Amino acid sequence: METIFGNLQGLKSSQLKQLQRLYHQRIPGDRITTPEFSQRLAAISTEVNQPVCAYINRRGQVIRVGVGTPRQTQIPPLELPRYGAERLSGIRCIATHLKPEPPNEAALTAMALQRLDALVVLNITGTGFTRRGGGSTGYVKEAYLAHLTPQESRTLITSPAALKVEESQIQSPSWNISPPLDLDHLADQDLVDLVENLEAEFQREFIAQEVDADHDRVLIVGLMTSEMTPLQFQDNLLELARLVDTAGGDVLQTIQQKRSRIHPQTVVGEGKVQEIALTAQTLGVNLVVFDRDLSPSQVRNLEMQIGIRVVDRTEVILDIFAQRAQSRAGKLQVELAQLEYMQPRLAGRGRTMSRLGGGIGTRGPGETKLETERRAIGQRISRLQKEVDQLQAHRSRLRQRRQHQEVPSVALVGYTNAGKSTLLNALTNAEVYTADQLFATLDPTTRRLVIPHGETDEHQEILITDTVGFIHELPASLMDAFRATLEEVTEADALLHLVDLSHPAWLRHIRSVREILAQMPITPGPALVIFNKIDQADSETLALAREEFPLAVFISASQRLGLETLRHRLAKLIEYAVDCG
């Protein structure tokens, strides 16, 4: 039996049958509707005294009937055909309206959310009569035809600085509404011609944006709660944009909301979720990224309402780590972190997984596919954990050998993109990969460095290790997974805490790194603060940093400024650390 959607309370069985019979109607493929179908829909709407909507595909088949407005009966995003921003959905809606007025904004927004081929609104008279032979007429007073139109002014945001978008600047969809039409004029409209012309315009506009097809088209969503300052909120959004860029996505726009607390089901409010869905449709977005961690149920609710993939900040970081890991240890640790993150989020994500050990002999009685996948992930996590433990034991033996040889060690720590790898290359002539990206290097790299002895000025060798960059609110799963880097930090005799002085949030970065170091199971050795990129910092920032951190060293690793001073200060730091140790 065909399903009727919407408000069915109080409907008689005879009225439900009339609605069900609409599914057997067929509209000519090149017509938007026919006078007969429109009058029949209006007659039913008059009888039930409610708006009625019929959704028709391009073959002229009625695929959905709903009692209510276009907003109340709209097709859920996940059930719509997946077309890009250059296409329409292939569905049109014929809706009745009890008041004599043009389509309202709620109906037009529903049209945009579904990317309908067209929306027809039939204003009904409340009267009419049934002709001999069963046909009904006189129920439609006037009709309006609405459709989407391309937006020539749509632009692609390509730089993090451009993310500071006021909500009033966010593009709303544009549409065209006809003057009042009678049913004969409406029936004369050529649907094929209308759709082909519109999609050709959308296609031209889509190509004009020149977005790399291999990149995700990303919409960022930021929520500012009462415990955040506006500056912290903007810093978070800019950092998230950098993360998305590093992961290989193109940020098209950002949407912001200020709430006293997080909405438990959807993080942001219901109206904002609709705005996100509408913006995603308008811009052709295929990924929505939130600036905070989301629970599995929140992801599920958001994807059902928005209709495209939704990820959180942690998942973006994990994706970057997966791209950056080079060593076997790094790859193992990334996979371990990803699986631990994914395990509670399996339900409702629609992901199919290649299961190790799946098949005959692996499923218990009555076990569902979801349970099988969870168990397979659990087994894989256990296997990876053992391999990581074995690598940890091997690294521990290597460190003991180094300590037995009495070679002092120093770990480079700092916020991501502070310039740690660049400094390592400048000091040791190493060839570690560097880039102006977040988390450019993940695997710890150790090199020998010759520095003057703190007392005798004779040459001495030390070991200096480049570590993964830290980031504020580093996910716990990553803290646990990246033991290789964290062990190098805790086992080192001393730390060099590198700070990007050119970054507007450098003070916050220092606090974030210190908070992560304070969470280490073993207290790290003494640290020397080094301010990097002084050639890119203004004089006021330099003066403030010198006042706040009088014992710090100021350098530019890329320009090789201040490195000799750093070597001497490093020698004194090593001497102090070894004496204290």
Protein backbone atom coordinates (compact mmCIF):
# COMPACT_ATOMS: atom_id res chain seq x y z
CA MET A 1 0.00 0.00 0.00
CA GLU A 2 1.31 3.47 -0.89
CA THR A 3 2.28 5.58 2.11
CA ILE A 4 0.64 8.89 2.97
CA PHE A 5 2.86 11.28 4.92
CA GLY A 6 2.06 14.22 7.17
CA ASN A 7 -0.83 15.05 9.46
CA LEU A 8 -3.35 12.21 9.05
CA GLN A 9 -5.30 12.78 12.27
CA GLY A 10 -9.04 12.97 11.77
CA LEU A 11 -8.96 11.69 8.17
CA LYS A 12 -11.65 9.21 7.15
CA SER A 13 -10.76 5.94 5.46
CA SER A 14 -12.47 7.17 2.27
CA GLN A 15 -10.26 10.28 2.27
CA LEU A 16 -7.14 8.16 2.79
CA LYS A 17 -8.18 6.03 -0.18
CA GLN A 18 -8.54 9.15 -2.35
CA LEU A 19 -5.03 10.20 -1.38
CA GLN A 20 -3.68 6.70 -2.13
CA ARG A 21 -5.28 6.74 -5.58
CA LEU A 22 -3.09 9.74 -6.45
CA TYR A 23 -0.19 7.29 -6.73
CA HIS A 24 -1.90 5.74 -9.76
CA GLN A 25 -2.02 9.06 -11.63
CA ARG A 26 0.47 9.70 -14.45
CA ILE A 27 1.47 13.13 -15.77
CA PRO A 28 2.90 13.53 -19.33
CA GLY A 29 6.71 13.65 -19.15
CA ASP A 30 7.01 17.12 -20.69
CA ARG A 31 4.26 18.75 -18.59
CA ILE A 32 4.60 20.15 -15.06
CA THR A 33 1.02 19.14 -14.26
CA THR A 34 -2.36 18.82 -15.95
CA PRO A 35 -5.62 20.68 -15.17
CA GLU A 36 -7.27 17.35 -14.30
CA PHE A 37 -4.58 16.33 -11.78
CA SER A 38 -4.49 19.83 -10.24
CA GLN A 39 -8.27 19.94 -9.80
CA ARG A 40 -8.30 16.45 -8.29
CA LEU A 41 -5.58 17.39 -5.79
CA ALA A 42 -7.46 20.59 -4.92
CA ALA A 43 -10.74 18.69 -4.47
CA ILE A 44 -9.13 16.29 -1.98
CA SER A 45 -7.50 19.20 -0.16
CA THR A 46 -10.88 20.96 0.08
CA GLU A 47 -12.51 17.85 1.51
CA VAL A 48 -9.85 17.22 4.18
CA ASN A 49 -9.49 21.00 4.78
CA GLN A 50 -5.72 20.74 4.82
CA PRO A 51 -2.93 21.46 2.34
CA VAL A 52 -1.91 18.44 0.28
CA CYS A 53 1.39 17.93 -1.60
CA ALA A 54 2.15 15.49 -4.42
CA TYR A 55 5.78 14.83 -5.43
CA ILE A 56 6.29 13.72 -9.03
CA ASN A 57 9.43 12.41 -10.78
CA ARG A 58 10.48 13.20 -14.34
CA ARG A 59 8.68 10.15 -15.67
CA GLY A 60 5.44 11.70 -14.45
CA GLN A 61 4.97 9.20 -11.59
CA VAL A 62 3.65 10.32 -8.21
CA ILE A 63 6.31 9.10 -5.74
CA ARG A 64 5.12 10.76 -2.51
CA VAL A 65 1.85 12.17 -1.20
CA GLY A 66 1.74 14.23 1.98
CA VAL A 67 -0.92 16.02 4.01
CA GLY A 68 0.54 19.37 5.06
CA THR A 69 2.63 22.20 3.63
CA PRO A 70 5.74 21.68 1.46
CA ARG A 71 7.83 22.33 4.60
CA GLN A 72 5.93 19.70 6.62
CA THR A 73 5.95 17.04 3.89
CA GLN A 74 9.40 17.55 2.36
CA ILE A 75 11.44 14.48 1.46
CA PRO A 76 14.23 13.74 3.99
CA PRO A 77 17.64 14.66 2.51
CA LEU A 78 18.97 11.10 2.71
CA GLU A 79 16.04 9.85 0.60
CA LEU A 80 16.61 12.37 -2.19
CA PRO A 81 18.53 11.43 -5.34
CA ARG A 82 22.18 12.47 -4.92
CA TYR A 83 22.77 15.21 -7.47
CA GLY A 84 25.50 17.83 -7.25
CA ALA A 85 25.11 21.59 -7.10
CA GLU A 86 24.95 21.66 -10.90
CA ARG A 87 21.85 19.46 -10.98
CA LEU A 88 18.27 19.48 -9.71
CA SER A 89 16.77 16.53 -7.87
CA GLY A 90 14.48 15.37 -10.69
CA ILE A 91 11.37 15.84 -8.51
CA ARG A 92 8.67 18.51 -8.59
CA CYS A 93 6.03 19.30 -5.99
CA ILE A 94 2.40 20.20 -6.65
CA ALA A 95 1.01 21.73 -3.44
CA THR A 96 -2.36 23.15 -2.47
CA HIS A 97 -2.69 26.25 -0.33
CA LEU A 98 -5.80 27.28 1.62
CA LYS A 99 -5.12 31.02 1.41
CA PRO A 100 -5.07 33.13 -1.77
CA GLU A 101 -1.41 34.22 -1.68
CA PRO A 102 1.89 33.48 -3.48
CA PRO A 103 4.25 30.74 -2.16
CA ASN A 104 5.62 31.73 1.25
CA GLU A 105 9.28 31.60 2.26
CA ALA A 106 8.89 28.31 4.14
CA ALA A 107 7.62 26.58 0.98
CA LEU A 108 10.35 28.16 -1.16
CA THR A 109 13.02 27.14 1.37
CA ALA A 110 11.71 23.57 1.26
CA MET A 111 12.01 23.73 -2.55
CA ALA A 112 15.63 24.87 -2.24
CA LEU A 113 16.50 22.24 0.39
CA GLN A 114 15.27 19.49 -1.93
CA ARG A 115 16.56 21.18 -5.10
CA LEU A 116 13.15 20.54 -6.69
CA ASP A 117 12.72 20.92 -10.43
CA ALA A 118 9.74 23.16 -9.68
CA LEU A 119 7.16 24.01 -7.05
CA VAL A 120 3.53 24.59 -8.05
CA VAL A 121 1.25 26.17 -5.46
CA LEU A 122 -2.49 25.84 -6.13
CA ASN A 123 -4.63 28.36 -4.24
CA ILE A 124 -8.00 26.68 -3.72
CA THR A 125 -11.41 28.34 -3.64
CA GLY A 126 -13.05 26.16 -1.00
CA THR A 127 -15.90 25.39 -3.44
CA GLY A 128 -16.19 23.49 -6.69
CA PHE A 129 -18.32 20.77 -8.16
CA THR A 130 -18.01 17.24 -9.48
CA ARG A 131 -18.75 16.80 -13.16
CA ARG A 132 -20.64 13.88 -14.60
CA GLY A 133 -18.21 11.01 -14.99
CA GLY A 134 -16.40 11.75 -11.74
CA GLY A 135 -14.16 14.64 -12.77
CA SER A 136 -13.83 17.55 -10.36
CA THR A 137 -13.39 21.20 -11.30
CA GLY A 138 -13.69 24.72 -9.97
CA TYR A 139 -11.47 24.04 -6.95
CA VAL A 140 -8.40 26.00 -8.09
CA LYS A 141 -8.56 29.79 -7.97
CA GLU A 142 -5.05 30.49 -9.27
CA ALA A 143 -1.66 28.82 -9.49
CA TYR A 144 1.94 29.94 -8.99
CA LEU A 145 5.02 28.31 -10.51
CA ALA A 146 8.34 28.69 -8.65
CA HIS A 147 11.82 27.37 -9.41
CA LEU A 148 15.40 27.92 -8.31
CA THR A 149 17.69 30.27 -10.21
CA PRO A 150 21.52 30.30 -10.35
CA GLN A 151 23.46 32.79 -8.22
CA GLU A 152 26.07 34.56 -10.29
CA SER A 153 27.60 36.25 -7.25
CA ARG A 154 28.44 33.03 -5.41
CA THR A 155 32.13 32.93 -4.53
CA LEU A 156 34.49 30.34 -3.15
CA ILE A 157 36.26 31.16 0.12
CA THR A 158 39.81 29.89 -0.33
CA SER A 159 41.75 31.39 2.57
CA PRO A 160 41.27 31.04 6.34
CA ALA A 161 41.25 34.84 6.69
CA ALA A 162 38.14 34.94 4.52
CA LEU A 163 36.33 32.81 7.06
CA LYS A 164 35.35 35.83 9.13
CA VAL A 165 31.93 35.92 7.50
CA GLU A 166 29.05 37.71 9.11
CA GLU A 167 25.85 35.69 9.13
CA SER A 168 24.09 38.42 7.17
CA GLN A 169 26.54 37.79 4.32
CA ILE A 170 25.65 34.11 3.98
CA GLN A 171 24.09 33.53 0.58
CA SER A 172 20.43 32.64 0.58
CA PRO A 173 19.09 30.68 -2.38
CA SER A 174 17.48 32.65 -5.18
CA TRP A 175 14.26 31.66 -6.89
CA ASN A 176 11.78 32.87 -9.44
CA ILE A 177 8.02 33.05 -8.83
CA SER A 178 5.56 33.47 -11.70
CA PRO A 179 2.59 35.82 -11.63
CA PRO A 180 -0.78 34.12 -10.93
CA LEU A 181 -1.57 31.60 -13.67
CA ASP A 182 -4.74 29.77 -14.65
CA LEU A 183 -4.49 26.00 -15.02
CA ASP A 184 -4.42 26.09 -18.83
CA HIS A 185 -1.41 28.42 -18.87
CA LEU A 186 0.26 26.28 -16.20
CA ALA A 187 -0.34 23.13 -18.25
CA ASP A 188 1.31 24.80 -21.27
CA GLN A 189 4.63 25.15 -19.40
CA ASP A 190 7.28 22.82 -20.88
CA LEU A 191 8.97 20.99 -17.98
CA VAL A 192 11.78 19.51 -20.09
CA ASP A 193 12.72 22.91 -21.51
CA LEU A 194 12.61 24.54 -18.06
CA VAL A 195 14.78 21.89 -16.39
CA GLU A 196 17.33 21.68 -19.21
CA ASN A 197 17.83 25.46 -19.27
CA LEU A 198 18.14 25.67 -15.47
CA GLU A 199 20.62 22.80 -15.22
CA ALA A 200 22.71 24.27 -18.03
CA GLU A 201 22.94 27.52 -16.02
CA PHE A 202 23.78 25.65 -12.81
CA GLN A 203 26.44 23.68 -14.70
CA ARG A 204 28.06 26.87 -16.06
CA GLU A 205 28.05 28.45 -12.61
CA PHE A 206 29.47 25.29 -11.02
CA ILE A 207 32.35 25.13 -13.50
CA ALA A 208 33.03 28.86 -13.08
CA GLN A 209 33.81 28.30 -9.41
CA GLU A 210 36.89 26.30 -10.46
CA VAL A 211 36.86 24.04 -7.43
CA ASP A 212 39.16 21.02 -7.58
CA ALA A 213 36.89 18.01 -8.08
CA ASP A 214 39.25 15.82 -6.05
CA HIS A 215 38.85 17.99 -2.96
CA ASP A 216 36.00 17.93 -0.49
CA ARG A 217 33.79 21.02 -0.68
CA VAL A 218 33.52 21.95 2.98
CA LEU A 219 31.13 23.99 5.10
CA ILE A 220 32.48 24.80 8.58
CA VAL A 221 30.06 25.19 11.50
CA GLY A 222 31.18 26.98 14.66
CA LEU A 223 29.30 27.21 17.95
CA MET A 224 30.22 29.91 20.45
CA THR A 225 29.17 29.01 23.99
CA SER A 226 29.19 31.18 27.10
CA GLU A 227 32.60 29.97 28.34
CA MET A 228 34.37 31.19 25.17
CA THR A 229 35.58 34.68 24.34
CA PRO A 230 34.95 36.01 20.80
CA LEU A 231 38.72 35.97 20.16
CA GLN A 232 39.05 32.33 21.21
CA PHE A 233 36.08 31.42 19.03
CA GLN A 234 37.56 33.10 15.94
CA ASP A 235 40.96 31.49 16.61
CA ASN A 236 39.27 28.09 16.78
CA LEU A 237 37.50 28.66 13.46
CA LEU A 238 40.68 29.84 11.74
CA GLU A 239 42.58 26.83 13.08
CA LEU A 240 39.83 24.47 11.92
CA ALA A 241 40.00 26.04 8.45
CA ARG A 242 43.77 25.37 8.43
CA LEU A 243 43.12 21.77 9.48
CA VAL A 244 40.57 21.30 6.68
CA ASP A 245 43.00 22.84 4.18
CA THR A 246 45.79 20.55 5.40
CA ALA A 247 43.48 17.54 5.07
CA GLY A 248 42.85 18.50 1.42
CA GLY A 249 39.44 20.19 1.62
CA ASP A 250 38.24 23.50 0.19
CA VAL A 251 36.37 25.66 2.71
CA LEU A 252 33.47 27.32 0.90
CA GLN A 253 31.85 29.07 3.83
CA THR A 254 31.45 29.16 7.59
CA ILE A 255 28.24 29.32 9.62
CA GLN A 256 28.30 30.53 13.20
CA GLN A 257 25.86 30.38 16.10
CA LYS A 258 25.98 31.74 19.63
CA ARG A 259 24.20 29.63 22.26
CA SER A 260 24.42 29.46 26.04
CA ARG A 261 24.84 25.69 25.79
CA ILE A 262 25.11 22.93 23.22
CA HIS A 263 21.87 21.45 21.85
CA PRO A 264 21.99 17.80 23.01
CA GLN A 265 20.61 16.35 19.75
CA THR A 266 22.09 18.57 17.02
CA VAL A 267 24.69 20.84 18.75
CA VAL A 268 23.14 23.92 17.09
CA GLY A 269 19.45 24.89 17.08
CA GLU A 270 16.81 23.52 14.73
CA GLY A 271 16.66 26.70 12.63
CA LYS A 272 20.45 26.71 12.25
CA VAL A 273 20.42 23.05 11.13
CA GLN A 274 17.99 24.04 8.36
CA GLU A 275 20.25 26.95 7.41
CA ILE A 276 23.23 24.57 7.23
CA ALA A 277 21.26 22.19 5.00
CA LEU A 278 20.15 25.04 2.75
CA THR A 279 23.65 26.53 2.47
CA ALA A 280 25.09 23.08 1.74
CA GLN A 281 22.57 22.61 -1.09
CA THR A 282 23.11 26.11 -2.45
CA LEU A 283 26.92 25.85 -2.53
CA GLY A 284 27.15 22.20 -3.52
CA VAL A 285 28.92 21.25 -0.28
CA ASN A 286 29.68 17.55 0.24
CA LEU A 287 31.11 17.71 3.78
CA VAL A 288 30.12 19.63 6.94
CA VAL A 289 32.79 20.04 9.64
CA PHE A 290 31.92 21.08 13.21
CA ASP A 291 34.43 22.90 15.41
CA ARG A 292 33.98 20.51 18.33
CA ASP A 293 33.70 16.81 19.08
CA LEU A 294 30.32 15.28 18.24
CA SER A 295 28.68 12.27 19.87
CA PRO A 296 27.64 9.37 17.61
CA SER A 297 23.95 10.29 18.03
CA GLN A 298 24.61 13.94 17.15
CA VAL A 299 26.40 12.89 13.94
CA ARG A 300 23.50 10.60 13.07
CA ASN A 301 20.85 13.29 13.71
CA LEU A 302 22.75 15.94 11.75
CA GLU A 303 23.37 13.68 8.74
CA MET A 304 19.69 12.71 8.60
CA GLN A 305 18.61 16.37 8.57
CA ILE A 306 21.37 17.83 6.39
CA GLY A 307 21.70 14.91 3.98
CA ILE A 308 25.49 14.92 3.62
CA ARG A 309 28.44 13.63 5.61
CA VAL A 310 29.14 15.38 8.93
CA VAL A 311 32.47 15.10 10.76
CA ASP A 312 33.98 16.75 13.82
CA ARG A 313 37.37 18.31 14.55
CA THR A 314 38.89 15.07 15.81
CA GLU A 315 38.02 13.21 12.60
CA VAL A 316 39.74 15.92 10.54
CA ILE A 317 42.88 15.60 12.69
CA LEU A 318 42.79 11.81 12.34
CA ASP A 319 42.52 12.17 8.56
CA ILE A 320 45.60 14.41 8.51
CA PHE A 321 47.51 11.94 10.66
CA ALA A 322 46.55 9.12 8.30
CA GLN A 323 47.98 11.09 5.36
CA ARG A 324 51.16 12.14 7.18
CA ALA A 325 52.25 8.91 8.92
CA GLN A 326 55.29 7.43 7.17
CA SER A 327 56.85 4.89 9.52
CA ARG A 328 55.32 1.54 10.41
CA ALA A 329 54.89 2.71 14.00
CA GLY A 330 53.14 5.89 12.89
CA LYS A 331 50.77 4.02 10.58
CA LEU A 332 49.91 1.49 13.27
CA GLN A 333 49.19 4.25 15.78
CA VAL A 334 47.00 6.18 13.33
CA GLU A 335 44.96 3.09 12.48
CA LEU A 336 44.59 2.32 16.17
CA ALA A 337 43.33 5.85 16.93
CA GLN A 338 40.93 5.76 13.96
CA LEU A 339 39.43 2.42 14.96
CA GLU A 340 38.98 3.50 18.58
CA TYR A 341 37.26 6.66 17.34
CA MET A 342 35.09 4.77 14.85
CA GLN A 343 33.94 1.92 17.08
CA PRO A 344 31.17 3.75 18.99
CA ARG A 345 30.11 5.59 15.81
CA LEU A 346 29.27 2.59 13.63
CA ALA A 347 25.48 2.62 14.09
CA GLY A 348 23.69 4.67 11.48
CA ARG A 349 26.75 5.76 9.52
CA GLY A 350 26.07 3.34 6.68
CA ARG A 351 29.71 2.38 6.43
CA THR A 352 30.60 -1.00 4.98
CA MET A 353 33.79 -2.38 6.39
CA SER A 354 36.21 -5.01 5.12
CA ARG A 355 36.17 -7.23 8.16
CA LEU A 356 39.17 -9.31 9.09
CA GLY A 357 38.05 -12.77 10.14
CA GLY A 358 34.47 -12.22 8.93
CA GLY A 359 32.43 -15.08 7.48
CA ILE A 360 31.82 -18.70 8.48
CA GLY A 361 32.75 -19.43 12.06
CA THR A 362 32.96 -15.80 13.18
CA ARG A 363 29.33 -14.89 13.82
CA GLY A 364 27.46 -15.89 16.93
CA PRO A 365 23.80 -16.99 16.93
CA GLY A 366 21.56 -14.12 15.90
CA GLU A 367 24.46 -11.70 15.61
CA THR A 368 23.72 -8.67 13.43
CA LYS A 369 26.07 -7.19 10.84
CA LEU A 370 26.64 -4.21 13.14
CA GLU A 371 27.65 -6.48 16.03
CA THR A 372 29.94 -8.43 13.71
CA GLU A 373 31.63 -5.22 12.57
CA ARG A 374 32.04 -4.03 16.16
CA ARG A 375 33.58 -7.33 17.16
CA ALA A 376 35.89 -7.30 14.12
CA ILE A 377 37.04 -3.78 15.04
CA GLY A 378 37.61 -4.88 18.63
CA GLN A 379 39.77 -7.78 17.45
CA ARG A 380 41.73 -5.48 15.13
CA ILE A 381 42.27 -2.97 17.97
CA SER A 382 43.64 -5.75 20.22
CA ARG A 383 46.00 -6.91 17.47
CA LEU A 384 47.24 -3.38 16.78
CA GLN A 385 47.67 -2.69 20.50
CA LYS A 386 50.00 -5.71 20.80
CA GLU A 387 52.08 -4.55 17.80
CA VAL A 388 52.31 -1.01 19.24
CA ASP A 389 53.40 -2.47 22.61
CA GLN A 390 56.13 -4.48 20.88
CA LEU A 391 57.38 -1.36 19.09
CA GLN A 392 57.27 0.54 22.38
CA ALA A 393 59.48 -2.09 24.00
CA HIS A 394 61.91 -1.89 21.07
CA ARG A 395 62.11 1.92 21.31
CA SER A 396 62.64 1.63 25.06
CA ARG A 397 65.67 -0.64 24.47
CA LEU A 398 67.09 1.86 21.96
CA ARG A 399 66.70 4.70 24.46
CA GLN A 400 68.38 2.67 27.21
CA ARG A 401 71.32 2.04 24.87
CA ARG A 402 71.61 5.77 24.17
CA GLN A 403 71.43 6.57 27.89
CA HIS A 404 74.07 3.93 28.61
CA GLN A 405 76.36 5.74 26.19
CA GLU A 406 75.64 8.90 28.22
CA VAL A 407 74.54 10.98 25.24
CA PRO A 408 72.22 13.78 26.45
CA SER A 409 68.91 14.09 24.61
CA VAL A 410 66.65 17.03 23.86
CA ALA A 411 63.07 16.93 22.52
CA LEU A 412 61.62 19.69 20.36
CA VAL A 413 58.04 20.36 21.43
CA GLY A 414 55.53 23.01 20.46
CA TYR A 415 52.23 23.83 18.87
CA THR A 416 51.69 22.44 15.39
CA ASN A 417 53.29 24.54 12.62
CA ALA A 418 55.61 26.33 15.09
CA GLY A 419 58.60 25.40 12.89
CA LYS A 420 60.12 22.44 14.78
CA SER A 421 61.17 20.51 11.65
CA THR A 422 62.62 23.68 10.10
CA LEU A 423 64.68 24.27 13.25
CA LEU A 424 65.90 20.64 13.28
CA ASN A 425 67.00 21.00 9.65
CA ALA A 426 68.74 24.32 10.38
CA LEU A 427 70.65 22.94 13.39
CA THR A 428 71.63 19.51 12.05
CA ASN A 429 71.41 19.83 8.24
CA ALA A 430 68.77 17.12 8.33
CA GLU A 431 66.30 16.75 5.49
CA VAL A 432 63.07 16.40 7.45
CA TYR A 433 59.94 17.30 5.44
CA THR A 434 58.73 20.82 6.16
CA ALA A 435 55.65 22.70 4.97
CA ASP A 436 53.46 25.60 6.07
CA GLN A 437 50.81 23.12 7.19
CA LEU A 438 49.49 21.72 10.43
CA PHE A 439 51.01 18.36 11.40
CA ALA A 440 53.43 18.34 8.45
CA THR A 441 55.50 15.68 10.27
CA LEU A 442 54.23 13.00 12.62
CA ASP A 443 56.99 10.48 13.17
CA PRO A 444 59.70 11.39 15.72
CA THR A 445 63.03 12.09 13.98
CA THR A 446 66.26 12.00 15.99
CA ARG A 447 69.54 13.61 14.82
CA ARG A 448 72.95 14.22 16.36
CA LEU A 449 73.89 17.82 17.11
CA VAL A 450 77.31 19.16 18.12
CA ILE A 451 77.21 22.06 20.59
CA PRO A 452 79.81 23.73 22.83
CA HIS A 453 80.08 22.36 26.35
CA GLY A 454 78.50 24.62 28.95
CA GLU A 455 81.75 25.08 30.96
CA THR A 456 84.73 24.13 28.81
CA ASP A 457 83.49 25.28 25.37
CA GLU A 458 84.68 21.94 24.01
CA HIS A 459 82.44 20.20 21.49
CA GLN A 460 79.89 17.72 22.79
CA GLU A 461 77.32 15.60 21.02
CA ILE A 462 73.67 15.56 21.96
CA LEU A 463 70.61 13.94 20.41
CA ILE A 464 67.76 16.22 19.33
CA THR A 465 64.33 14.79 18.44
CA ASP A 466 61.59 16.43 16.39
CA THR A 467 58.14 15.47 17.70
CA VAL A 468 54.55 15.74 16.49
CA GLY A 469 52.99 19.16 16.94
CA PHE A 470 50.54 19.69 19.76
CA ILE A 471 47.13 21.31 19.39
CA HIS A 472 44.63 22.60 21.92
CA GLU A 473 42.19 19.99 23.20
CA LEU A 474 44.25 17.19 21.68
CA PRO A 475 41.86 14.19 21.59
CA ALA A 476 42.55 11.60 24.28
CA SER A 477 42.69 8.79 21.71
CA LEU A 478 45.57 10.60 19.97
CA MET A 479 47.38 11.20 23.24
CA ASP A 480 47.22 7.47 23.90
CA ALA A 481 48.02 6.40 20.35
CA PHE A 482 51.03 8.62 19.76
CA ARG A 483 53.08 7.16 22.54
CA ALA A 484 56.18 7.18 20.32
CA THR A 485 56.33 10.96 20.31
CA LEU A 486 55.18 11.35 23.90
CA GLU A 487 57.80 8.88 25.13
CA GLU A 488 60.53 10.89 23.41
CA VAL A 489 59.25 13.92 25.33
CA THR A 490 59.16 12.26 28.75
CA GLU A 491 62.48 10.40 28.32
CA ALA A 492 64.43 13.45 27.09
CA ASP A 493 66.85 15.21 29.46
CA ALA A 494 65.44 18.60 28.44
CA LEU A 495 62.85 20.22 26.19
CA LEU A 496 63.01 23.03 23.65
CA HIS A 497 59.55 24.60 23.61
CA LEU A 498 59.22 26.30 20.23
CA VAL A 499 56.61 29.06 19.81
CA ASP A 500 55.43 30.72 16.58
CA LEU A 501 55.59 34.37 17.61
CA SER A 502 53.96 35.50 14.35
CA HIS A 503 50.71 33.70 15.23
CA PRO A 504 48.05 35.95 16.81
CA ALA A 505 47.25 33.28 19.44
CA TRP A 506 50.88 32.55 20.49
CA LEU A 507 50.14 33.01 24.20
CA ARG A 508 47.26 30.55 24.01
CA HIS A 509 49.50 28.10 22.16
CA ILE A 510 52.02 28.22 25.01
CA ARG A 511 49.28 27.45 27.52
CA SER A 512 47.96 24.56 25.39
CA VAL A 513 51.42 22.94 25.12
CA ARG A 514 52.04 23.33 28.85
CA GLU A 515 48.64 21.77 29.63
CA ILE A 516 49.49 18.72 27.48
CA LEU A 517 52.94 18.40 29.06
CA ALA A 518 51.32 18.55 32.52
CA GLN A 519 49.20 15.50 31.57
CA MET A 520 52.28 13.35 30.83
CA PRO A 521 52.60 10.22 33.00
CA ILE A 522 56.26 11.15 33.70
CA THR A 523 57.20 14.77 34.40
CA PRO A 524 59.35 16.04 31.48
CA GLY A 525 62.75 17.67 32.03
CA PRO A 526 63.45 21.41 32.18
CA ALA A 527 62.29 23.43 29.16
CA LEU A 528 63.75 26.40 27.31
CA VAL A 529 61.21 28.62 25.54
CA ILE A 530 62.27 29.59 22.01
CA PHE A 531 60.30 32.17 20.04
CA ASN A 532 60.49 31.41 16.31
CA LYS A 533 59.57 33.46 13.19
CA ILE A 534 60.65 36.75 14.79
CA ASP A 535 61.16 38.11 11.27
CA GLN A 536 57.39 37.88 10.77
CA ALA A 537 56.35 39.33 14.17
CA ASP A 538 55.70 43.03 14.81
CA SER A 539 57.73 45.09 17.30
CA GLU A 540 54.90 45.28 19.88
CA THR A 541 54.60 41.48 20.00
CA LEU A 542 58.37 41.13 20.32
CA ALA A 543 58.45 43.60 23.22
CA LEU A 544 55.60 41.81 25.00
CA ALA A 545 57.25 38.41 24.59
CA ARG A 546 60.60 39.74 25.94
CA GLU A 547 58.79 41.22 28.94
CA GLU A 548 56.73 38.09 29.69
CA PHE A 549 59.54 35.59 29.00
CA PRO A 550 62.88 37.28 29.85
CA LEU A 551 64.84 33.96 29.73
CA ALA A 552 63.55 32.95 26.27
CA VAL A 553 65.62 32.77 23.08
CA PHE A 554 64.42 34.62 19.96
CA ILE A 555 65.21 33.10 16.54
CA SER A 556 64.08 32.69 12.96
CA ALA A 557 64.81 29.11 11.92
CA SER A 558 64.03 29.71 8.25
CA GLN A 559 66.34 32.78 8.11
CA ARG A 560 68.93 31.17 10.46
CA LEU A 561 68.78 34.11 12.87
CA GLY A 562 69.81 33.60 16.50
CA LEU A 563 70.97 29.98 16.08
CA GLU A 564 74.40 30.58 17.64
CA THR A 565 72.78 32.07 20.74
CA LEU A 566 70.45 29.08 20.82
CA ARG A 567 73.39 26.63 20.74
CA HIS A 568 75.04 28.29 23.76
CA ARG A 569 71.79 28.44 25.72
CA LEU A 570 71.12 24.82 24.80
CA ALA A 571 74.54 23.83 26.18
CA LYS A 572 73.73 25.49 29.51
CA LEU A 573 70.30 23.83 29.56
CA ILE A 574 71.87 20.38 29.01
CA GLU A 575 74.43 21.00 31.75
CA TYR A 576 71.68 22.03 34.18
CA ALA A 577 69.45 19.07 33.22
CA VAL A 578 72.25 16.50 33.57
CA ASP A 579 73.40 17.93 36.91
CA CYS A 580 69.83 17.88 38.25
CA GLY A 581 69.21 14.40 36.85
